[in-house]
Amino acid sequence: MRIKKIGSLLCIGLLAFALGACDGPAEEAGEELDETVEETSEQIEEAKEEIEETREKIQENRQELQEAQQERQESLQELEEAKQERREALEQMEQAIEEESTVQPGEESQQQ
């Protein structure tokens, strides 16, 4: 009985050694699969990094856009204020011209 066990274990050991030592088509296919998985994993990591960089750029662009919109709004406000000041100045000039034109010729010499 012991001899059968030893013989069986010896056969199993030799068979495992023989299968492990040979580089058959299955072994090569397994190695190719491992390489493919590794390459794909590296490509996925690179894609993740590119996505993260793109997200960061998008965030920076959003921030710059918000700042530009704020500056535009401030510029529009300043433009409106300048237009209002111009209108007021024109009105004052028109009033001054009207006042001068309504002054009588005799009054003109008295004012000088």
PDB file of N, CA and C in Angstrom:
ATOM      1  N   MET A   1       0.817  -1.175   0.000  1.00  0.00           N
ATOM      2  CA  MET A   1       0.000   0.000   0.000  1.00  0.00           C
ATOM      3  C   MET A   1       0.874   1.257   0.000  1.00  0.00           C
ATOM      4  N   ARG A   2       1.901   1.203   0.801  1.00  0.00           N
ATOM      5  CA  ARG A   2       2.817   2.333   0.861  1.00  0.00           C
ATOM      6  C   ARG A   2       3.531   2.533  -0.468  1.00  0.00           C
ATOM      7  N   ILE A   3       3.859   1.476  -1.090  1.00  0.00           N
ATOM      8  CA  ILE A   3       4.570   1.544  -2.355  1.00  0.00           C
ATOM      9  C   ILE A   3       3.653   2.163  -3.414  1.00  0.00           C
ATOM     10  N   LYS A   4       2.402   1.825  -3.377  1.00  0.00           N
ATOM     11  CA  LYS A   4       1.455   2.399  -4.334  1.00  0.00           C
ATOM     12  C   LYS A   4       1.336   3.903  -4.108  1.00  0.00           C
ATOM     13  N   LYS A   5       1.277   4.342  -2.857  1.00  0.00           N
ATOM     14  CA  LYS A   5       1.189   5.770  -2.541  1.00  0.00           C
ATOM     15  C   LYS A   5       2.429   6.498  -3.012  1.00  0.00           C
ATOM     16  N   ILE A   6       3.587   5.896  -2.717  1.00  0.00           N
ATOM     17  CA  ILE A   6       4.837   6.528  -3.132  1.00  0.00           C
ATOM     18  C   ILE A   6       4.902   6.577  -4.653  1.00  0.00           C
ATOM     19  N   GLY A   7       4.499   5.496  -5.309  1.00  0.00           N
ATOM     20  CA  GLY A   7       4.501   5.439  -6.769  1.00  0.00           C
ATOM     21  C   GLY A   7       3.551   6.478  -7.358  1.00  0.00           C
ATOM     22  N   SER A   8       2.380   6.604  -6.747  1.00  0.00           N
ATOM     23  CA  SER A   8       1.399   7.582  -7.219  1.00  0.00           C
ATOM     24  C   SER A   8       1.921   9.004  -7.045  1.00  0.00           C
ATOM     25  N   LEU A   9       2.505   9.268  -5.907  1.00  0.00           N
ATOM     26  CA  LEU A   9       3.051  10.607  -5.652  1.00  0.00           C
ATOM     27  C   LEU A   9       4.207  10.904  -6.597  1.00  0.00           C
ATOM     28  N   LEU A  10       5.033   9.881  -6.856  1.00  0.00           N
ATOM     29  CA  LEU A  10       6.143  10.043  -7.776  1.00  0.00           C
ATOM     30  C   LEU A  10       5.648  10.336  -9.188  1.00  0.00           C
ATOM     31  N   CYS A  11       4.621   9.639  -9.608  1.00  0.00           N
ATOM     32  CA  CYS A  11       4.037   9.875 -10.947  1.00  0.00           C
ATOM     33  C   CYS A  11       3.439  11.274 -11.045  1.00  0.00           C
ATOM     34  N   ILE A  12       2.747  11.669 -10.027  1.00  0.00           N
ATOM     35  CA  ILE A  12       2.141  13.010 -10.022  1.00  0.00           C
ATOM     36  C   ILE A  12       3.232  14.068 -10.061  1.00  0.00           C
ATOM     37  N   GLY A  13       4.294  13.878  -9.308  1.00  0.00           N
ATOM     38  CA  GLY A  13       5.407  14.816  -9.293  1.00  0.00           C
ATOM     39  C   GLY A  13       6.082  14.913 -10.649  1.00  0.00           C
ATOM     40  N   LEU A  14       6.336  13.760 -11.288  1.00  0.00           N
ATOM     41  CA  LEU A  14       6.963  13.752 -12.606  1.00  0.00           C
ATOM     42  C   LEU A  14       6.060  14.403 -13.656  1.00  0.00           C
ATOM     43  N   LEU A  15       4.790  14.119 -13.557  1.00  0.00           N
ATOM     44  CA  LEU A  15       3.838  14.710 -14.495  1.00  0.00           C
ATOM     45  C   LEU A  15       3.785  16.221 -14.323  1.00  0.00           C
ATOM     46  N   ALA A  16       3.756  16.693 -13.108  1.00  0.00           N
ATOM     47  CA  ALA A  16       3.737  18.138 -12.843  1.00  0.00           C
ATOM     48  C   ALA A  16       5.022  18.780 -13.340  1.00  0.00           C
ATOM     49  N   PHE A  17       6.150  18.118 -13.118  1.00  0.00           N
ATOM     50  CA  PHE A  17       7.435  18.634 -13.592  1.00  0.00           C
ATOM     51  C   PHE A  17       7.466  18.696 -15.117  1.00  0.00           C
ATOM     52  N   ALA A  18       6.977  17.644 -15.743  1.00  0.00           N
ATOM     53  CA  ALA A  18       6.980  17.580 -17.208  1.00  0.00           C
ATOM     54  C   ALA A  18       6.074  18.661 -17.797  1.00  0.00           C
ATOM     55  N   LEU A  19       4.925  18.846 -17.217  1.00  0.00           N
ATOM     56  CA  LEU A  19       3.998  19.870 -17.728  1.00  0.00           C
ATOM     57  C   LEU A  19       4.519  21.273 -17.461  1.00  0.00           C
ATOM     58  N   GLY A  20       5.145  21.471 -16.345  1.00  0.00           N
ATOM     59  CA  GLY A  20       5.685  22.783 -16.004  1.00  0.00           C
ATOM     60  C   GLY A  20       6.890  23.152 -16.840  1.00  0.00           C
ATOM     61  N   ALA A  21       7.646  22.166 -17.257  1.00  0.00           N
ATOM     62  CA  ALA A  21       8.873  22.430 -17.991  1.00  0.00           C
ATOM     63  C   ALA A  21       8.631  22.664 -19.476  1.00  0.00           C
ATOM     64  N   CYS A  22       7.530  22.192 -20.006  1.00  0.00           N
ATOM     65  CA  CYS A  22       7.324  22.334 -21.451  1.00  0.00           C
ATOM     66  C   CYS A  22       6.646  23.648 -21.772  1.00  0.00           C
ATOM     67  N   ASP A  23       7.090  24.280 -22.853  1.00  0.00           N
ATOM     68  CA  ASP A  23       6.481  25.513 -23.335  1.00  0.00           C
ATOM     69  C   ASP A  23       5.631  25.170 -24.550  1.00  0.00           C
ATOM     70  N   GLY A  24       4.495  24.671 -24.290  1.00  0.00           N
ATOM     71  CA  GLY A  24       3.601  24.298 -25.375  1.00  0.00           C
ATOM     72  C   GLY A  24       2.762  25.477 -25.814  1.00  0.00           C
ATOM     73  N   PRO A  25       1.866  25.243 -26.748  1.00  0.00           N
ATOM     74  CA  PRO A  25       1.007  26.317 -27.254  1.00  0.00           C
ATOM     75  C   PRO A  25       0.155  26.964 -26.156  1.00  0.00           C
ATOM     76  N   ALA A  26      -0.278  26.161 -25.188  1.00  0.00           N
ATOM     77  CA  ALA A  26      -1.096  26.718 -24.106  1.00  0.00           C
ATOM     78  C   ALA A  26      -0.269  27.670 -23.246  1.00  0.00           C
ATOM     79  N   GLU A  27       0.978  27.288 -22.995  1.00  0.00           N
ATOM     80  CA  GLU A  27       1.863  28.138 -22.199  1.00  0.00           C
ATOM     81  C   GLU A  27       2.136  29.448 -22.921  1.00  0.00           C
ATOM     82  N   GLU A  28       2.406  29.379 -24.210  1.00  0.00           N
ATOM     83  CA  GLU A  28       2.661  30.580 -25.001  1.00  0.00           C
ATOM     84  C   GLU A  28       1.425  31.474 -25.062  1.00  0.00           C
ATOM     85  N   ALA A  29       0.253  30.851 -25.225  1.00  0.00           N
ATOM     86  CA  ALA A  29      -0.982  31.622 -25.256  1.00  0.00           C
ATOM     87  C   ALA A  29      -1.206  32.315 -23.918  1.00  0.00           C
ATOM     88  N   GLY A  30      -0.900  31.628 -22.842  1.00  0.00           N
ATOM     89  CA  GLY A  30      -1.035  32.225 -21.514  1.00  0.00           C
ATOM     90  C   GLY A  30      -0.111  33.407 -21.330  1.00  0.00           C
ATOM     91  N   GLU A  31       1.118  33.279 -21.821  1.00  0.00           N
ATOM     92  CA  GLU A  31       2.081  34.387 -21.721  1.00  0.00           C
ATOM     93  C   GLU A  31       1.631  35.581 -22.564  1.00  0.00           C
ATOM     94  N   GLU A  32       1.128  35.286 -23.762  1.00  0.00           N
ATOM     95  CA  GLU A  32       0.629  36.368 -24.615  1.00  0.00           C
ATOM     96  C   GLU A  32      -0.555  37.069 -23.968  1.00  0.00           C
ATOM     97  N   LEU A  33      -1.410  36.284 -23.342  1.00  0.00           N
ATOM     98  CA  LEU A  33      -2.557  36.854 -22.645  1.00  0.00           C
ATOM     99  C   LEU A  33      -2.096  37.745 -21.495  1.00  0.00           C
ATOM    100  N   ASP A  34      -1.117  37.286 -20.749  1.00  0.00           N
ATOM    101  CA  ASP A  34      -0.570  38.088 -19.650  1.00  0.00           C
ATOM    102  C   ASP A  34      -0.001  39.410 -20.170  1.00  0.00           C
ATOM    103  N   GLU A  35       0.752  39.338 -21.278  1.00  0.00           N
ATOM    104  CA  GLU A  35       1.322  40.558 -21.861  1.00  0.00           C
ATOM    105  C   GLU A  35       0.229  41.513 -22.321  1.00  0.00           C
ATOM    106  N   THR A  36      -0.797  40.930 -22.949  1.00  0.00           N
ATOM    107  CA  THR A  36      -1.906  41.760 -23.428  1.00  0.00           C
ATOM    108  C   THR A  36      -2.611  42.439 -22.265  1.00  0.00           C
ATOM    109  N   VAL A  37      -2.838  41.701 -21.205  1.00  0.00           N
ATOM    110  CA  VAL A  37      -3.488  42.271 -20.016  1.00  0.00           C
ATOM    111  C   VAL A  37      -2.632  43.386 -19.432  1.00  0.00           C
ATOM    112  N   GLU A  38      -1.331  43.160 -19.366  1.00  0.00           N
ATOM    113  CA  GLU A  38      -0.424  44.169 -18.810  1.00  0.00           C
ATOM    114  C   GLU A  38      -0.414  45.431 -19.678  1.00  0.00           C
ATOM    115  N   GLU A  39      -0.320  45.248 -21.003  1.00  0.00           N
ATOM    116  CA  GLU A  39      -0.335  46.399 -21.914  1.00  0.00           C
ATOM    117  C   GLU A  39      -1.646  47.166 -21.812  1.00  0.00           C
ATOM    118  N   THR A  40      -2.738  46.419 -21.743  1.00  0.00           N
ATOM    119  CA  THR A  40      -4.048  47.070 -21.623  1.00  0.00           C
ATOM    120  C   THR A  40      -4.151  47.832 -20.314  1.00  0.00           C
ATOM    121  N   SER A  41      -3.632  47.263 -19.251  1.00  0.00           N
ATOM    122  CA  SER A  41      -3.650  47.959 -17.957  1.00  0.00           C
ATOM    123  C   SER A  41      -2.850  49.252 -18.023  1.00  0.00           C
ATOM    124  N   GLU A  42      -1.698  49.204 -18.693  1.00  0.00           N
ATOM    125  CA  GLU A  42      -0.881  50.410 -18.840  1.00  0.00           C
ATOM    126  C   GLU A  42      -1.615  51.462 -19.668  1.00  0.00           C
ATOM    127  N   GLN A  43      -2.274  51.027 -20.738  1.00  0.00           N
ATOM    128  CA  GLN A  43      -3.032  51.965 -21.571  1.00  0.00           C
ATOM    129  C   GLN A  43      -4.181  52.587 -20.793  1.00  0.00           C
ATOM    130  N   ILE A  44      -4.818  51.796 -19.964  1.00  0.00           N
ATOM    131  CA  ILE A  44      -5.915  52.312 -19.139  1.00  0.00           C
ATOM    132  C   ILE A  44      -5.383  53.361 -18.161  1.00  0.00           C
ATOM    133  N   GLU A  45      -4.246  53.085 -17.550  1.00  0.00           N
ATOM    134  CA  GLU A  45      -3.647  54.046 -16.619  1.00  0.00           C
ATOM    135  C   GLU A  45      -3.280  55.341 -17.332  1.00  0.00           C
ATOM    136  N   GLU A  46      -2.705  55.218 -18.535  1.00  0.00           N
ATOM    137  CA  GLU A  46      -2.370  56.413 -19.310  1.00  0.00           C
ATOM    138  C   GLU A  46      -3.624  57.199 -19.657  1.00  0.00           C
ATOM    139  N   ALA A  47      -4.683  56.490 -20.040  1.00  0.00           N
ATOM    140  CA  ALA A  47      -5.940  57.158 -20.374  1.00  0.00           C
ATOM    141  C   ALA A  47      -6.518  57.859 -19.150  1.00  0.00           C
ATOM    142  N   LYS A  48      -6.422  57.232 -17.991  1.00  0.00           N
ATOM    143  CA  LYS A  48      -6.902  57.857 -16.753  1.00  0.00           C
ATOM    144  C   LYS A  48      -6.147  59.153 -16.479  1.00  0.00           C
ATOM    145  N   GLU A  49      -4.822  59.112 -16.673  1.00  0.00           N
ATOM    146  CA  GLU A  49      -4.006  60.301 -16.443  1.00  0.00           C
ATOM    147  C   GLU A  49      -4.388  61.414 -17.418  1.00  0.00           C
ATOM    148  N   GLU A  50      -4.598  61.046 -18.684  1.00  0.00           N
ATOM    149  CA  GLU A  50      -4.992  62.041 -19.677  1.00  0.00           C
ATOM    150  C   GLU A  50      -6.359  62.636 -19.344  1.00  0.00           C
ATOM    151  N   ILE A  51      -7.262  61.792 -18.895  1.00  0.00           N
ATOM    152  CA  ILE A  51      -8.593  62.275 -18.508  1.00  0.00           C
ATOM    153  C   ILE A  51      -8.481  63.249 -17.349  1.00  0.00           C
ATOM    154  N   GLU A  52      -7.663  62.924 -16.374  1.00  0.00           N
ATOM    155  CA  GLU A  52      -7.486  63.807 -15.221  1.00  0.00           C
ATOM    156  C   GLU A  52      -6.877  65.143 -15.639  1.00  0.00           C
ATOM    157  N   GLU A  53      -5.874  65.089 -16.523  1.00  0.00           N
ATOM    158  CA  GLU A  53      -5.268  66.328 -17.021  1.00  0.00           C
ATOM    159  C   GLU A  53      -6.298  67.164 -17.775  1.00  0.00           C
ATOM    160  N   THR A  54      -7.119  66.497 -18.572  1.00  0.00           N
ATOM    161  CA  THR A  54      -8.158  67.198 -19.324  1.00  0.00           C
ATOM    162  C   THR A  54      -9.174  67.827 -18.380  1.00  0.00           C
ATOM    163  N   ARG A  55      -9.539  67.108 -17.336  1.00  0.00           N
ATOM    164  CA  ARG A  55     -10.475  67.663 -16.342  1.00  0.00           C
ATOM    165  C   ARG A  55      -9.888  68.916 -15.696  1.00  0.00           C
ATOM    166  N   GLU A  56      -8.615  68.856 -15.361  1.00  0.00           N
ATOM    167  CA  GLU A  56      -7.958  70.010 -14.751  1.00  0.00           C
ATOM    168  C   GLU A  56      -7.959  71.201 -15.711  1.00  0.00           C
ATOM    169  N   LYS A  57      -7.673  70.944 -16.987  1.00  0.00           N
ATOM    170  CA  LYS A  57      -7.684  72.019 -17.987  1.00  0.00           C
ATOM    171  C   LYS A  57      -9.084  72.606 -18.135  1.00  0.00           C
ATOM    172  N   ILE A  58     -10.082  71.741 -18.128  1.00  0.00           N
ATOM    173  CA  ILE A  58     -11.469  72.213 -18.234  1.00  0.00           C
ATOM    174  C   ILE A  58     -11.794  73.098 -17.044  1.00  0.00           C
ATOM    175  N   GLN A  59     -11.390  72.685 -15.861  1.00  0.00           N
ATOM    176  CA  GLN A  59     -11.651  73.474 -14.661  1.00  0.00           C
ATOM    177  C   GLN A  59     -10.952  74.829 -14.740  1.00  0.00           C
ATOM    178  N   GLU A  60      -9.694  74.828 -15.204  1.00  0.00           N
ATOM    179  CA  GLU A  60      -8.966  76.089 -15.356  1.00  0.00           C
ATOM    180  C   GLU A  60      -9.667  76.989 -16.373  1.00  0.00           C
ATOM    181  N   ASN A  61     -10.113  76.396 -17.490  1.00  0.00           N
ATOM    182  CA  ASN A  61     -10.802  77.174 -18.522  1.00  0.00           C
ATOM    183  C   ASN A  61     -12.116  77.743 -17.999  1.00  0.00           C
ATOM    184  N   ARG A  62     -12.825  76.963 -17.197  1.00  0.00           N
ATOM    185  CA  ARG A  62     -14.073  77.463 -16.598  1.00  0.00           C
ATOM    186  C   ARG A  62     -13.795  78.670 -15.712  1.00  0.00           C
ATOM    187  N   GLN A  63     -12.733  78.561 -14.915  1.00  0.00           N
ATOM    188  CA  GLN A  63     -12.367  79.659 -14.019  1.00  0.00           C
ATOM    189  C   GLN A  63     -12.011  80.901 -14.823  1.00  0.00           C
ATOM    190  N   GLU A  64     -11.204  80.718 -15.875  1.00  0.00           N
ATOM    191  CA  GLU A  64     -10.826  81.851 -16.716  1.00  0.00           C
ATOM    192  C   GLU A  64     -12.055  82.465 -17.390  1.00  0.00           C
ATOM    193  N   LEU A  65     -12.986  81.621 -17.822  1.00  0.00           N
ATOM    194  CA  LEU A  65     -14.210  82.110 -18.447  1.00  0.00           C
ATOM    195  C   LEU A  65     -15.036  82.926 -17.458  1.00  0.00           C
ATOM    196  N   GLN A  66     -15.152  82.448 -16.249  1.00  0.00           N
ATOM    197  CA  GLN A  66     -15.898  83.185 -15.229  1.00  0.00           C
ATOM    198  C   GLN A  66     -15.248  84.542 -14.957  1.00  0.00           C
ATOM    199  N   GLU A  67     -13.926  84.555 -14.885  1.00  0.00           N
ATOM    200  CA  GLU A  67     -13.224  85.813 -14.654  1.00  0.00           C
ATOM    201  C   GLU A  67     -13.426  86.767 -15.828  1.00  0.00           C
ATOM    202  N   ALA A  68     -13.369  86.233 -17.045  1.00  0.00           N
ATOM    203  CA  ALA A  68     -13.572  87.069 -18.235  1.00  0.00           C
ATOM    204  C   ALA A  68     -14.997  87.615 -18.276  1.00  0.00           C
ATOM    205  N   GLN A  69     -15.966  86.802 -17.890  1.00  0.00           N
ATOM    206  CA  GLN A  69     -17.349  87.266 -17.854  1.00  0.00           C
ATOM    207  C   GLN A  69     -17.529  88.367 -16.812  1.00  0.00           C
ATOM    208  N   GLN A  70     -16.868  88.208 -15.683  1.00  0.00           N
ATOM    209  CA  GLN A  70     -16.941  89.225 -14.642  1.00  0.00           C
ATOM    210  C   GLN A  70     -16.321  90.535 -15.134  1.00  0.00           C
ATOM    211  N   GLU A  71     -15.155  90.434 -15.779  1.00  0.00           N
ATOM    212  CA  GLU A  71     -14.502  91.628 -16.319  1.00  0.00           C
ATOM    213  C   GLU A  71     -15.380  92.285 -17.377  1.00  0.00           C
ATOM    214  N   ARG A  72     -16.013  91.490 -18.214  1.00  0.00           N
ATOM    215  CA  ARG A  72     -16.901  92.023 -19.250  1.00  0.00           C
ATOM    216  C   ARG A  72     -18.074  92.770 -18.607  1.00  0.00           C
ATOM    217  N   GLN A  73     -18.638  92.166 -17.581  1.00  0.00           N
ATOM    218  CA  GLN A  73     -19.758  92.799 -16.888  1.00  0.00           C
ATOM    219  C   GLN A  73     -19.329  94.133 -16.283  1.00  0.00           C
ATOM    220  N   GLU A  74     -18.150  94.148 -15.673  1.00  0.00           N
ATOM    221  CA  GLU A  74     -17.645  95.390 -15.091  1.00  0.00           C
ATOM    222  C   GLU A  74     -17.394  96.437 -16.172  1.00  0.00           C
ATOM    223  N   SER A  75     -16.857  96.010 -17.315  1.00  0.00           N
ATOM    224  CA  SER A  75     -16.610  96.940 -18.421  1.00  0.00           C
ATOM    225  C   SER A  75     -17.911  97.504 -18.967  1.00  0.00           C
ATOM    226  N   LEU A  76     -18.922  96.650 -19.083  1.00  0.00           N
ATOM    227  CA  LEU A  76     -20.228  97.129 -19.555  1.00  0.00           C
ATOM    228  C   LEU A  76     -20.815  98.147 -18.580  1.00  0.00           C
ATOM    229  N   GLN A  77     -20.634  97.899 -17.304  1.00  0.00           N
ATOM    230  CA  GLN A  77     -21.131  98.828 -16.290  1.00  0.00           C
ATOM    231  C   GLN A  77     -20.400 100.171 -16.407  1.00  0.00           C
ATOM    232  N   GLU A  78     -19.089 100.121 -16.564  1.00  0.00           N
ATOM    233  CA  GLU A  78     -18.313 101.351 -16.724  1.00  0.00           C
ATOM    234  C   GLU A  78     -18.719 102.093 -17.991  1.00  0.00           C
ATOM    235  N   LEU A  79     -19.001 101.361 -19.054  1.00  0.00           N
ATOM    236  CA  LEU A  79     -19.435 101.970 -20.305  1.00  0.00           C
ATOM    237  C   LEU A  79     -20.773 102.679 -20.120  1.00  0.00           C
ATOM    238  N   GLU A  80     -21.687 102.039 -19.436  1.00  0.00           N
ATOM    239  CA  GLU A  80     -22.989 102.666 -19.183  1.00  0.00           C
ATOM    240  C   GLU A  80     -22.829 103.936 -18.348  1.00  0.00           C
ATOM    241  N   GLU A  81     -21.953 103.882 -17.354  1.00  0.00           N
ATOM    242  CA  GLU A  81     -21.712 105.070 -16.537  1.00  0.00           C
ATOM    243  C   GLU A  81     -21.111 106.193 -17.379  1.00  0.00           C
ATOM    244  N   ALA A  82     -20.182 105.844 -18.272  1.00  0.00           N
ATOM    245  CA  ALA A  82     -19.572 106.853 -19.138  1.00  0.00           C
ATOM    246  C   ALA A  82     -20.615 107.444 -20.091  1.00  0.00           C
ATOM    247  N   LYS A  83     -21.508 106.612 -20.591  1.00  0.00           N
ATOM    248  CA  LYS A  83     -22.571 107.105 -21.477  1.00  0.00           C
ATOM    249  C   LYS A  83     -23.483 108.079 -20.728  1.00  0.00           C
ATOM    250  N   GLN A  84     -23.795 107.724 -19.490  1.00  0.00           N
ATOM    251  CA  GLN A  84     -24.657 108.594 -18.694  1.00  0.00           C
ATOM    252  C   GLN A  84     -23.969 109.936 -18.431  1.00  0.00           C
ATOM    253  N   GLU A  85     -22.686 109.892 -18.095  1.00  0.00           N
ATOM    254  CA  GLU A  85     -21.937 111.135 -17.875  1.00  0.00           C
ATOM    255  C   GLU A  85     -21.900 111.971 -19.149  1.00  0.00           C
ATOM    256  N   ARG A  86     -21.755 111.321 -20.286  1.00  0.00           N
ATOM    257  CA  ARG A  86     -21.738 112.026 -21.577  1.00  0.00           C
ATOM    258  C   ARG A  86     -23.093 112.687 -21.831  1.00  0.00           C
ATOM    259  N   ARG A  87     -24.176 111.938 -21.584  1.00  0.00           N
ATOM    260  CA  ARG A  87     -25.519 112.515 -21.760  1.00  0.00           C
ATOM    261  C   ARG A  87     -25.702 113.752 -20.883  1.00  0.00           C
ATOM    262  N   GLU A  88     -25.265 113.630 -19.625  1.00  0.00           N
ATOM    263  CA  GLU A  88     -25.406 114.756 -18.705  1.00  0.00           C
ATOM    264  C   GLU A  88     -24.583 115.954 -19.177  1.00  0.00           C
ATOM    265  N   ALA A  89     -23.386 115.697 -19.654  1.00  0.00           N
ATOM    266  CA  ALA A  89     -22.535 116.787 -20.149  1.00  0.00           C
ATOM    267  C   ALA A  89     -23.169 117.440 -21.373  1.00  0.00           C
ATOM    268  N   LEU A  90     -23.724 116.626 -22.266  1.00  0.00           N
ATOM    269  CA  LEU A  90     -24.393 117.175 -23.455  1.00  0.00           C
ATOM    270  C   LEU A  90     -25.601 118.021 -23.058  1.00  0.00           C
ATOM    271  N   GLU A  91     -26.373 117.545 -22.101  1.00  0.00           N
ATOM    272  CA  GLU A  91     -27.525 118.305 -21.638  1.00  0.00           C
ATOM    273  C   GLU A  91     -27.095 119.651 -21.051  1.00  0.00           C
ATOM    274  N   GLN A  92     -26.010 119.625 -20.270  1.00  0.00           N
ATOM    275  CA  GLN A  92     -25.512 120.871 -19.693  1.00  0.00           C
ATOM    276  C   GLN A  92     -25.038 121.828 -20.783  1.00  0.00           C
ATOM    277  N   MET A  93     -24.387 121.276 -21.797  1.00  0.00           N
ATOM    278  CA  MET A  93     -23.927 122.121 -22.903  1.00  0.00           C
ATOM    279  C   MET A  93     -25.123 122.709 -23.657  1.00  0.00           C
ATOM    280  N   GLU A  94     -26.137 121.880 -23.891  1.00  0.00           N
ATOM    281  CA  GLU A  94     -27.325 122.361 -24.592  1.00  0.00           C
ATOM    282  C   GLU A  94     -28.016 123.463 -23.784  1.00  0.00           C
ATOM    283  N   GLN A  95     -28.094 123.278 -22.466  1.00  0.00           N
ATOM    284  CA  GLN A  95     -28.701 124.294 -21.617  1.00  0.00           C
ATOM    285  C   GLN A  95     -27.897 125.592 -21.673  1.00  0.00           C
ATOM    286  N   ALA A  96     -26.581 125.452 -21.653  1.00  0.00           N
ATOM    287  CA  ALA A  96     -25.733 126.644 -21.706  1.00  0.00           C
ATOM    288  C   ALA A  96     -25.916 127.362 -23.031  1.00  0.00           C
ATOM    289  N   ILE A  97     -26.023 126.606 -24.117  1.00  0.00           N
ATOM    290  CA  ILE A  97     -26.226 127.223 -25.437  1.00  0.00           C
ATOM    291  C   ILE A  97     -27.574 127.907 -25.491  1.00  0.00           C
ATOM    292  N   GLU A  98     -28.610 127.269 -24.943  1.00  0.00           N
ATOM    293  CA  GLU A  98     -29.940 127.872 -24.922  1.00  0.00           C
ATOM    294  C   GLU A  98     -29.938 129.163 -24.111  1.00  0.00           C
ATOM    295  N   GLU A  99     -29.255 129.124 -22.970  1.00  0.00           N
ATOM    296  CA  GLU A  99     -29.200 130.315 -22.129  1.00  0.00           C
ATOM    297  C   GLU A  99     -28.484 131.444 -22.849  1.00  0.00           C
ATOM    298  N   GLU A 100     -27.428 131.137 -23.562  1.00  0.00           N
ATOM    299  CA  GLU A 100     -26.707 132.169 -24.309  1.00  0.00           C
ATOM    300  C   GLU A 100     -27.551 132.718 -25.437  1.00  0.00           C
ATOM    301  N   SER A 101     -28.308 131.866 -26.086  1.00  0.00           N
ATOM    302  CA  SER A 101     -29.095 132.332 -27.230  1.00  0.00           C
ATOM    303  C   SER A 101     -30.308 133.132 -26.773  1.00  0.00           C
ATOM    304  N   THR A 102     -30.746 132.938 -25.573  1.00  0.00           N
ATOM    305  CA  THR A 102     -31.886 133.709 -25.080  1.00  0.00           C
ATOM    306  C   THR A 102     -31.469 135.045 -24.477  1.00  0.00           C
ATOM    307  N   VAL A 103     -30.203 135.261 -24.303  1.00  0.00           N
ATOM    308  CA  VAL A 103     -29.716 136.520 -23.750  1.00  0.00           C
ATOM    309  C   VAL A 103     -29.885 137.596 -24.829  1.00  0.00           C
ATOM    310  N   GLN A 104     -30.454 138.708 -24.456  1.00  0.00           N
ATOM    311  CA  GLN A 104     -30.681 139.819 -25.383  1.00  0.00           C
ATOM    312  C   GLN A 104     -29.362 140.480 -25.726  1.00  0.00           C
ATOM    313  N   PRO A 105     -29.242 141.061 -26.926  1.00  0.00           N
ATOM    314  CA  PRO A 105     -27.996 141.699 -27.311  1.00  0.00           C
ATOM    315  C   PRO A 105     -27.558 142.769 -26.313  1.00  0.00           C
ATOM    316  N   GLY A 106     -28.446 143.503 -25.740  1.00  0.00           N
ATOM    317  CA  GLY A 106     -28.078 144.524 -24.760  1.00  0.00           C
ATOM    318  C   GLY A 106     -27.615 143.885 -23.458  1.00  0.00           C
ATOM    319  N   GLU A 107     -28.208 142.796 -23.110  1.00  0.00           N
ATOM    320  CA  GLU A 107     -27.848 142.088 -21.877  1.00  0.00           C
ATOM    321  C   GLU A 107     -26.454 141.490 -21.981  1.00  0.00           C
ATOM    322  N   GLU A 108     -26.088 141.164 -23.201  1.00  0.00           N
ATOM    323  CA  GLU A 108     -24.812 140.512 -23.433  1.00  0.00           C
ATOM    324  C   GLU A 108     -23.665 141.406 -23.010  1.00  0.00           C
ATOM    325  N   SER A 109     -23.747 142.677 -23.326  1.00  0.00           N
ATOM    326  CA  SER A 109     -22.685 143.595 -22.949  1.00  0.00           C
ATOM    327  C   SER A 109     -22.669 143.865 -21.452  1.00  0.00           C
ATOM    328  N   GLN A 110     -23.828 143.747 -20.816  1.00  0.00           N
ATOM    329  CA  GLN A 110     -23.890 143.954 -19.385  1.00  0.00           C
ATOM    330  C   GLN A 110     -23.249 142.782 -18.623  1.00  0.00           C
ATOM    331  N   GLN A 111     -23.379 141.590 -19.190  1.00  0.00           N
ATOM    332  CA  GLN A 111     -22.834 140.404 -18.518  1.00  0.00           C
ATOM    333  C   GLN A 111     -21.325 140.361 -18.618  1.00  0.00           C
ATOM    334  N   GLN A 112     -20.759 140.995 -19.628  1.00  0.00           N
ATOM    335  CA  GLN A 112     -19.322 140.922 -19.824  1.00  0.00           C
ATOM    336  C   GLN A 112     -18.675 141.872 -18.919  1.00  0.00           C
TER     337      GLN A 112
END
